[in-house]
Protein backbone atom coordinates (compact mmCIF):
# COMPACT_ATOMS: atom_id res chain seq x y z
CA MET A 1 93.04 -42.03 106.11
CA LEU A 2 92.21 -41.72 109.85
CA ILE A 3 92.29 -44.50 112.45
CA ARG A 4 91.52 -44.48 116.19
CA CYS A 5 93.32 -46.46 118.93
CA GLN A 6 90.95 -48.96 120.50
CA SER A 7 92.64 -48.51 123.89
CA CYS A 8 93.36 -44.79 124.44
CA GLN A 9 91.06 -43.47 121.65
CA ALA A 10 93.92 -41.48 120.10
CA LEU A 11 93.31 -40.43 116.49
CA PHE A 12 96.02 -41.08 113.90
CA SER A 13 96.38 -40.31 110.19
CA LEU A 14 97.83 -42.82 107.75
CA GLN A 15 98.70 -42.31 104.13
CA ASP A 16 95.98 -43.36 101.76
CA GLY A 17 96.66 -46.62 99.91
CA VAL A 18 98.63 -48.33 102.74
CA ALA A 19 96.09 -51.13 102.77
CA ALA A 20 93.41 -52.28 100.39
CA ALA A 21 89.91 -51.21 101.08
CA GLY A 22 88.11 -53.58 103.48
CA VAL A 23 91.34 -55.47 104.42
CA GLY A 24 92.41 -55.60 108.11
CA PHE A 25 95.98 -54.86 109.24
CA LYS A 26 97.94 -54.53 112.48
CA VAL A 27 98.69 -51.05 113.84
CA GLU A 28 100.73 -50.04 116.91
CA CYS A 29 99.49 -46.98 118.82
CA GLY A 30 102.21 -44.41 119.08
CA ARG A 31 100.76 -43.18 122.34
CA CYS A 32 100.01 -46.22 124.50
CA LEU A 33 101.95 -48.76 122.33
CA THR A 34 98.94 -50.99 122.08
CA VAL A 35 98.73 -53.12 118.93
CA PHE A 36 95.27 -53.33 117.44
CA GLU A 37 93.71 -54.29 114.11
CA ALA A 38 92.32 -51.59 111.79
CA ASN A 39 90.37 -51.74 108.55
CA ALA A 40 90.77 -49.36 105.60
CA LEU A 41 87.53 -47.60 104.56
CA PRO A 42 86.32 -47.84 100.98
CA ARG A 43 87.42 -44.90 98.81
CA ILE A 44 84.82 -42.41 97.51
CA PRO A 45 85.55 -40.66 94.23
CA PRO A 46 86.17 -36.92 94.83
CA GLU A 47 83.70 -35.79 92.22
CA ARG A 48 80.92 -37.83 93.84
CA ALA A 49 81.86 -36.81 97.35
CA ASN A 50 81.84 -33.05 96.59
CA THR A 51 78.83 -32.96 94.27
CA PRO A 52 75.65 -31.96 96.16
CA THR A 53 72.55 -33.97 95.59
CA VAL A 54 70.00 -32.03 93.53
CA GLN A 55 66.37 -33.03 93.50
CA ARG A 56 64.51 -32.65 90.29
CA PRO A 57 61.40 -30.41 90.56
CA VAL A 58 58.17 -32.30 90.54
CA PRO A 59 55.66 -30.76 88.14
CA PRO A 60 52.37 -29.77 89.81
CA ILE A 61 49.43 -31.94 89.17
CA TYR A 62 46.59 -29.95 87.65
CA LYS A 63 43.16 -31.20 88.42
CA PRO A 64 40.37 -29.59 86.41
CA PRO A 65 37.54 -28.16 88.53
CA ASP A 66 34.40 -30.12 88.88
CA PRO A 67 31.74 -28.68 86.49
CA ALA A 68 29.03 -29.33 89.05
CA VAL A 69 30.90 -27.22 91.63
CA LEU A 70 31.39 -24.35 89.16
CA GLU A 71 27.72 -24.41 88.26
CA ARG A 72 26.76 -24.27 91.91
CA LEU A 73 29.09 -21.30 92.66
CA GLY A 74 27.90 -19.31 89.68
CA THR A 75 29.83 -16.91 87.46
CA PRO A 76 31.78 -14.24 89.43
CA PRO A 77 31.14 -10.59 88.45
CA ARG A 78 33.47 -8.94 85.97
CA ASP A 79 34.89 -6.46 88.46
CA THR A 80 35.99 -9.28 90.79
CA PHE A 81 39.31 -9.80 89.03
CA ARG A 82 39.67 -6.26 87.67
CA LYS A 83 43.26 -5.12 87.52
CA VAL A 84 43.96 -2.15 89.76
CA SER A 85 46.41 0.36 88.34
CA PRO A 86 49.04 1.80 90.71
CA GLU A 87 47.92 5.33 89.96
CA GLY A 88 44.33 4.56 90.97
CA VAL A 89 44.89 5.03 94.69
CA PRO A 90 46.55 8.47 94.44
CA LYS A 91 43.78 9.59 92.09
CA LYS A 92 41.13 8.61 94.62
CA ARG A 93 43.06 10.40 97.32
CA ARG A 94 43.26 13.57 95.21
CA THR A 95 39.53 13.35 94.59
CA GLY A 96 38.87 13.08 98.31
CA LEU A 97 41.16 16.03 98.97
CA TRP A 98 39.30 18.20 96.47
CA VAL A 99 35.99 17.19 98.02
CA ALA A 100 37.29 18.25 101.44
CA VAL A 101 38.56 21.56 100.06
CA GLY A 102 35.21 22.18 98.40
CA ALA A 103 33.41 21.52 101.67
CA VAL A 104 35.65 24.00 103.50
CA VAL A 105 35.09 26.65 100.82
CA ALA A 106 31.33 26.11 100.97
CA LEU A 107 31.44 26.45 104.74
CA GLY A 108 33.45 29.66 104.43
CA ILE A 109 30.97 31.13 101.95
CA ALA A 110 28.09 30.27 104.25
CA LEU A 111 29.93 31.85 107.16
CA LEU A 112 30.63 35.04 105.20
CA ALA A 113 26.98 35.18 104.20
CA GLU A 114 25.97 34.88 107.83
CA LEU A 115 28.52 37.41 109.10
CA GLY A 116 28.45 41.08 108.26
CA LEU A 117 31.03 43.80 108.64
CA GLY A 118 33.28 43.53 111.65
CA GLY A 119 32.33 39.90 112.23
CA LEU A 120 28.76 40.76 113.25
CA PRO A 121 25.96 38.34 112.39
CA ARG A 122 24.15 39.30 109.21
CA ARG A 123 20.84 39.78 111.03
CA ALA A 124 22.48 42.10 113.56
CA GLN A 125 24.14 44.10 110.79
CA GLU A 126 20.81 44.53 109.01
CA ARG A 127 19.24 45.95 112.16
CA ILE A 128 22.15 48.30 112.70
CA GLU A 129 21.90 49.71 109.17
CA LYS A 130 18.16 50.24 109.55
CA ALA A 131 18.65 51.92 112.94
CA ARG A 132 21.27 54.30 111.51
CA LEU A 133 18.79 55.47 108.89
CA LEU A 134 16.21 56.07 111.61
CA LEU A 135 18.70 58.21 113.54
CA LEU A 136 18.90 60.57 110.57
CA ARG A 137 15.14 61.23 110.72
CA ASP A 138 15.56 62.34 114.35
CA ASP A 139 11.91 62.35 115.45
CA ARG A 140 10.99 60.76 118.77
CA THR A 141 9.45 57.60 117.29
CA SER A 142 12.40 57.05 114.96
CA LEU A 143 14.89 57.45 117.81
CA GLU A 144 12.98 54.97 119.96
CA GLN A 145 12.80 52.47 117.11
CA ALA A 146 16.51 52.90 116.42
CA THR A 147 17.28 52.27 120.08
CA ALA A 148 15.21 49.07 120.00
CA LEU A 149 16.99 47.85 116.86
CA PHE A 150 20.41 48.56 118.36
CA THR A 151 19.30 46.64 121.45
CA GLU A 152 18.34 43.62 119.32
CA ALA A 153 21.64 43.79 117.45
CA ALA A 154 23.57 43.89 120.72
CA ARG A 155 21.75 40.76 121.91
CA MET A 156 22.56 38.98 118.65
CA ALA A 157 26.26 39.86 118.98
CA PRO A 158 27.23 39.47 122.64
CA GLY A 159 30.69 40.75 123.39
CA GLU A 160 30.68 43.16 120.41
CA ALA A 161 31.13 46.77 121.50
CA GLY A 162 29.73 48.39 118.35
CA PRO A 163 25.99 47.64 118.71
CA GLU A 164 25.98 48.51 122.41
CA GLY A 165 27.90 51.72 121.73
CA GLU A 166 25.41 52.79 119.06
CA ARG A 167 22.53 51.94 121.39
CA ALA A 168 24.09 54.22 124.00
CA PHE A 169 24.42 57.02 121.44
CA ALA A 170 20.76 56.68 120.40
CA LEU A 171 19.67 56.99 124.03
CA LEU A 172 21.84 60.06 124.50
CA LEU A 173 20.45 61.65 121.32
CA GLN A 174 17.02 61.42 122.90
CA ALA A 175 18.38 62.93 126.11
CA ALA A 176 19.96 65.83 124.21
CA ALA A 177 16.67 66.71 122.47
CA GLN A 178 14.71 66.42 125.73
CA LYS A 179 17.22 68.53 127.61
CA ASP A 180 17.20 71.28 124.95
CA LEU A 181 13.40 71.55 124.95
CA ALA A 182 13.24 71.42 128.75
CA GLY A 183 14.83 74.86 128.92
CA ARG A 184 12.45 76.39 126.35
CA VAL A 185 8.97 75.21 127.41
CA SER A 186 6.80 75.74 130.48
CA LYS A 187 8.00 74.72 133.93
CA ASP A 188 5.77 71.68 134.30
CA GLU A 189 6.58 70.35 130.87
CA GLY A 190 10.22 71.21 131.38
CA GLU A 191 10.39 69.15 134.57
CA GLU A 192 8.90 66.15 132.80
CA LEU A 193 11.37 66.51 129.95
CA THR A 194 14.22 66.85 132.44
CA ARG A 195 13.22 63.59 134.15
CA LYS A 196 13.13 61.82 130.79
CA ALA A 197 16.49 63.31 129.83
CA THR A 198 18.04 62.19 133.12
CA ARG A 199 16.74 58.65 132.67
CA SER A 200 17.98 58.50 129.07
CA MET A 201 21.39 59.79 130.16
CA GLN A 202 21.67 57.14 132.85
CA GLU A 203 20.74 54.35 130.46
CA GLY A 204 23.04 55.75 127.79
CA LEU A 205 25.98 55.99 130.17
CA ALA A 206 25.47 52.41 131.36
CA ALA A 207 25.38 51.15 127.77
CA ALA A 208 28.44 53.21 126.83
CA LYS A 209 30.43 51.84 129.78
CA ALA A 210 29.44 48.29 128.87
CA ALA A 211 30.63 48.87 125.30
CA VAL A 212 33.93 50.33 126.49
CA GLU A 213 34.48 47.26 128.66
CA ASP A 214 34.13 45.10 125.54
CA ASP A 215 36.46 47.29 123.49
CA ARG A 216 38.20 50.36 124.87
CA GLU A 217 38.96 51.65 121.38
CA ASP A 218 35.52 51.19 119.79
CA SER A 219 34.59 54.46 118.07
CA PHE A 220 30.86 54.11 118.77
CA ALA A 221 31.44 53.57 122.48
CA LEU A 222 33.90 56.47 122.69
CA ARG A 223 31.53 58.73 120.75
CA ALA A 224 28.75 57.91 123.21
CA MET A 225 31.03 58.64 126.17
CA ALA A 226 31.88 62.01 124.63
CA LEU A 227 28.21 62.91 124.13
CA HIS A 228 27.38 61.99 127.71
CA ALA A 229 30.21 64.23 128.91
CA ALA A 230 28.76 67.09 126.83
CA LEU A 231 25.30 66.64 128.35
CA ALA A 232 26.81 66.36 131.84
CA GLY A 233 28.71 69.65 131.47
CA ALA A 234 32.19 68.09 131.25
CA PRO A 235 33.38 69.05 127.74
CA GLU A 236 37.08 68.64 128.54
CA LEU A 237 36.58 64.99 129.46
CA GLY A 238 34.38 64.48 126.41
CA LEU A 239 36.99 65.90 124.04
CA VAL A 240 39.45 63.21 125.13
CA SER A 241 37.01 60.43 124.23
CA LEU A 242 36.00 62.17 121.01
CA HIS A 243 39.61 62.51 119.90
CA ARG A 244 40.16 58.78 120.39
CA ALA A 245 36.96 58.01 118.47
CA GLU A 246 38.01 60.29 115.61
CA ILE A 247 41.31 58.45 115.24
CA VAL A 248 39.42 55.19 114.69
CA ALA A 249 36.60 56.62 112.50
CA PRO A 250 37.63 60.00 111.05
CA GLN A 251 34.81 59.98 108.46
CA ASP A 252 31.97 59.47 110.96
CA PRO A 253 29.57 62.46 110.58
CA TRP A 254 28.19 61.92 114.08
CA ILE A 255 31.65 62.65 115.50
CA ALA A 256 31.47 66.13 113.98
CA TRP A 257 27.99 66.57 115.44
CA THR A 258 29.23 65.45 118.87
CA ARG A 259 31.97 68.06 118.61
CA ALA A 260 29.24 70.69 118.23
CA ALA A 261 27.47 69.32 121.32
CA LEU A 262 30.72 69.59 123.27
CA ALA A 263 31.18 73.17 122.06
CA LEU A 264 27.71 74.12 123.36
CA SER A 265 28.23 72.35 126.70
CA GLY A 266 28.12 74.57 129.77
CA PRO A 267 27.11 78.24 130.00
CA PRO A 268 26.06 79.77 126.66
CA ALA A 269 28.51 82.01 124.82
CA ARG A 270 28.65 83.36 121.28
CA GLU A 271 32.13 81.93 120.76
CA LYS A 272 30.82 78.48 121.68
CA GLN A 273 27.97 78.92 119.24
CA ASP A 274 30.40 79.82 116.46
CA ARG A 275 32.45 76.69 117.08
CA ALA A 276 29.29 74.63 117.21
CA LEU A 277 28.03 76.07 113.91
CA ALA A 278 31.35 75.19 112.26
CA ALA A 279 31.15 71.61 113.51
CA LEU A 280 27.49 71.32 112.45
CA ALA A 281 28.42 72.50 108.96
CA VAL A 282 30.99 69.70 108.74
CA ALA A 283 28.44 67.15 109.93
CA GLY A 284 25.79 68.38 107.49
CA GLN A 285 28.23 68.28 104.61
CA ALA A 286 29.29 64.72 105.47
CA GLU A 287 25.67 63.56 105.86
CA PRO A 288 23.06 65.91 104.34
CA ARG A 289 20.23 63.71 105.63
CA MET A 290 21.15 64.38 109.27
CA LEU A 291 18.16 66.41 110.46
CA ARG A 292 19.59 66.76 113.98
CA ALA A 293 22.36 69.03 112.68
CA GLN A 294 19.85 71.26 110.87
CA VAL A 295 17.57 71.56 113.91
CA ASP A 296 20.55 72.45 116.11
CA VAL A 297 21.50 75.22 113.67
CA ALA A 298 17.93 76.55 113.95
CA ALA A 299 18.13 76.37 117.76
CA ILE A 300 21.32 78.46 117.76
CA SER A 301 19.64 81.01 115.47
CA LEU A 302 16.70 81.10 117.88
CA ASP A 303 19.07 81.72 120.82
CA ARG A 304 20.70 84.54 118.86
CA GLN A 305 17.31 86.14 118.24
CA GLU A 306 17.50 85.42 114.52
CA PRO A 307 13.99 84.15 113.79
CA ASP A 308 14.05 84.24 110.00
CA PRO A 309 17.06 81.90 109.52
CA ALA A 310 15.63 79.61 112.19
CA ARG A 311 12.22 79.54 110.52
CA ASN A 312 13.71 78.72 107.12
CA VAL A 313 15.69 75.81 108.50
CA LEU A 314 12.81 74.40 110.57
CA THR A 315 10.40 74.65 107.66
CA ARG A 316 12.81 72.70 105.49
CA VAL A 317 13.21 70.05 108.18
CA LEU A 318 9.44 69.59 108.53
CA LYS A 319 9.13 69.11 104.79
CA GLU A 320 11.58 66.22 105.00
CA ASN A 321 10.04 64.78 108.18
CA PRO A 322 6.63 66.15 109.24
CA GLN A 323 6.80 64.03 112.45
CA HIS A 324 9.81 65.90 113.87
CA GLU A 325 8.45 67.04 117.26
CA ARG A 326 11.40 69.22 118.26
CA ALA A 327 11.29 71.13 114.98
CA LYS A 328 7.58 71.75 115.52
CA ARG A 329 8.13 73.01 119.07
CA LEU A 330 10.97 75.31 118.08
CA LEU A 331 8.93 76.68 115.21
CA SER A 332 6.06 77.38 117.58
CA LEU A 333 8.41 79.44 119.78
CA LEU A 334 9.30 81.82 116.95
CA PRO A 335 7.49 85.14 116.67
CA PRO A 336 4.99 85.39 113.82
CA SER A 337 6.52 86.24 110.48
CA PRO A 338 5.84 89.83 109.35
């Protein structure tokens, strides 16, 4: 039991049971020696003192809902209290993922349908294919139409070297035909053809340079640069461009034809004609529909004073394309058949 001095407030401990509970007794403070009266506190049983008080749970009071209120609120829909399974959310997410993947695939298919070979728009690729077929016919109208189609394709695919390079080549094909006839016809007509050839060469060179700026290794641009060098009398420079073009597109029949043009560049010589005939044979074998190669073979035969082989070739060309002006002019220059 603990008691406190009423004078100095010192706290002392006495053995339990010294005095009865509630009975006063005299105590002398061991600190200040003051005598004061203390009372023993009532004893609390240990089991009651250490046992915590536990409150019994009060059951909730359930009050039934008012029928009038329920009738006013109405019956909730069935799906209001539907149980959601844990796997429902991942399933919805997977469904959304597949929808997104499907949309990307559909977009890719649409893009592939719009784009052609080499990343060109489909409409540009269609014009290029049509223009290439026109080049094979080789008459003046076909060459002009091919040039126009290549021009449209180049506008549809800005920054692409291919269409512009093929446009340059089509212009230079016209210049080559005009330049060849200029040296075979009358002076007045020859001067007019020379002016046209010069203009076509200038336009072709500008287009070829523009294509090379877009892609220095584009085979069509390099092929056009080589043909311009042949027409300008610089075959050595043209062979460099042609070699680079052949590395990129070794199966291109027009590369073999350009090699023949480079062989014939400059002063005429029989050795040059032989090399040109070999290159023209390769071009004709790779693309039998190339009338330009056949007409060039006839022109070489005409230069060699071989009218019969030239006549046979030109007659065959005119059967395939009666509108071929150069074939008609060359045929008119041949002596009458015996």
